[in-house]
Amino acid sequence: MADRVAMIKSRLEQALSPTRIDITDDSAMHAGHAGAAGGGGHFSVTIVSDRFSGKSMIERHRAIYLAVHDMMPAEIHALSIKALTPDEI
């Protein structure tokens, strides 16, 4: 799963140039879940980027999903997102 975290981080860094990014693999908490059985992991992302300025929460989430869309659902089953601007931290 560490490789998945690195892949997610790399894609988000390329797409959104964050000033801060924290990714947690929460897959162990979802063992036995149908999505976990399919191989996709559960991850939490906290990301801070200037590119979120003036964007709604939906627009922020769309930008994140766009960066990792091809990893879903095989690599990522669930993604919990906290997307902020530097002014919001």
Protein backbone atom coordinates (compact mmCIF):
# COMPACT_ATOMS: atom_id res chain seq x y z
CA MET A 1 0.00 0.00 0.00
CA ALA A 2 2.96 2.34 0.50
CA ASP A 3 3.34 2.37 -3.28
CA ARG A 4 -0.27 3.49 -3.62
CA VAL A 5 0.28 6.33 -1.17
CA ALA A 6 3.35 7.42 -3.15
CA MET A 7 1.38 7.25 -6.41
CA ILE A 8 -1.49 9.31 -5.01
CA LYS A 9 0.93 11.86 -3.56
CA SER A 10 2.86 12.19 -6.82
CA ARG A 11 -0.28 12.72 -8.88
CA LEU A 12 -1.71 15.30 -6.50
CA GLU A 13 1.60 17.16 -6.34
CA GLN A 14 1.79 17.31 -10.13
CA ALA A 15 -1.83 18.38 -10.55
CA LEU A 16 -2.26 20.80 -7.65
CA SER A 17 1.18 21.97 -6.43
CA PRO A 18 0.19 21.69 -2.77
CA THR A 19 1.99 23.47 0.03
CA ARG A 20 1.03 20.57 2.30
CA ILE A 21 -0.19 17.05 1.64
CA ASP A 22 -0.85 14.24 4.11
CA ILE A 23 -2.10 10.85 2.98
CA THR A 24 -3.11 8.07 5.34
CA ASP A 25 -3.80 4.49 4.32
CA ASP A 26 -6.96 3.56 6.23
CA SER A 27 -7.39 0.18 4.51
CA ALA A 28 -6.77 -1.89 7.65
CA MET A 29 -9.81 -0.28 9.29
CA HIS A 30 -11.97 -1.55 6.42
CA ALA A 31 -10.78 -5.16 6.26
CA GLY A 32 -13.64 -7.38 5.17
CA HIS A 33 -15.40 -4.52 3.39
CA ALA A 34 -16.55 -5.42 -0.13
CA GLY A 35 -14.29 -2.76 -1.68
CA ALA A 36 -11.28 -4.05 0.22
CA ALA A 37 -11.94 -7.54 -1.14
CA GLY A 38 -11.65 -6.10 -4.66
CA GLY A 39 -8.15 -4.82 -3.91
CA GLY A 40 -8.90 -1.11 -3.74
CA GLY A 41 -7.61 0.73 -0.70
CA HIS A 42 -9.20 3.30 1.59
CA PHE A 43 -7.23 6.54 1.94
CA SER A 44 -7.58 9.90 3.70
CA VAL A 45 -6.06 12.98 2.10
CA THR A 46 -5.49 16.41 3.61
CA ILE A 47 -4.22 18.78 0.96
CA VAL A 48 -3.51 22.51 1.02
CA SER A 49 -3.15 24.34 -2.27
CA ASP A 50 -3.46 27.86 -3.64
CA ARG A 51 -5.28 26.30 -6.58
CA PHE A 52 -8.33 25.80 -4.37
CA SER A 53 -8.76 29.56 -3.89
CA GLY A 54 -12.18 30.66 -5.09
CA LYS A 55 -13.26 27.03 -5.65
CA SER A 56 -16.22 25.33 -4.04
CA MET A 57 -15.71 22.12 -2.09
CA ILE A 58 -17.18 20.18 -5.02
CA GLU A 59 -14.71 21.80 -7.45
CA ARG A 60 -11.82 20.99 -5.10
CA HIS A 61 -12.89 17.36 -4.84
CA ARG A 62 -13.33 17.11 -8.61
CA ALA A 63 -9.76 18.35 -9.11
CA ILE A 64 -8.46 15.70 -6.75
CA TYR A 65 -10.51 12.91 -8.32
CA LEU A 66 -9.38 14.02 -11.77
CA ALA A 67 -5.74 13.59 -10.69
CA VAL A 68 -6.31 10.00 -9.53
CA HIS A 69 -9.29 8.89 -11.64
CA ASP A 70 -7.45 6.07 -13.39
CA MET A 71 -6.50 4.54 -10.02
CA MET A 72 -10.17 4.02 -9.14
CA PRO A 73 -11.53 1.50 -8.28
CA ALA A 74 -8.65 -0.95 -8.73
CA GLU A 75 -6.12 0.95 -6.58
CA ILE A 76 -8.42 3.31 -4.66
CA HIS A 77 -11.80 2.16 -3.42
CA ALA A 78 -12.50 5.11 -1.13
CA LEU A 79 -10.93 8.54 -0.71
CA SER A 80 -11.71 10.83 2.22
CA ILE A 81 -10.74 14.39 1.30
CA LYS A 82 -9.99 17.54 3.25
CA ALA A 83 -9.03 20.22 0.69
CA LEU A 84 -8.04 23.67 1.95
CA THR A 85 -6.42 26.87 0.80
CA PRO A 86 -3.42 28.19 2.77
CA ASP A 87 -5.73 30.85 4.26
CA GLU A 88 -8.04 28.15 5.66
CA ILE A 89 -5.49 26.33 7.82
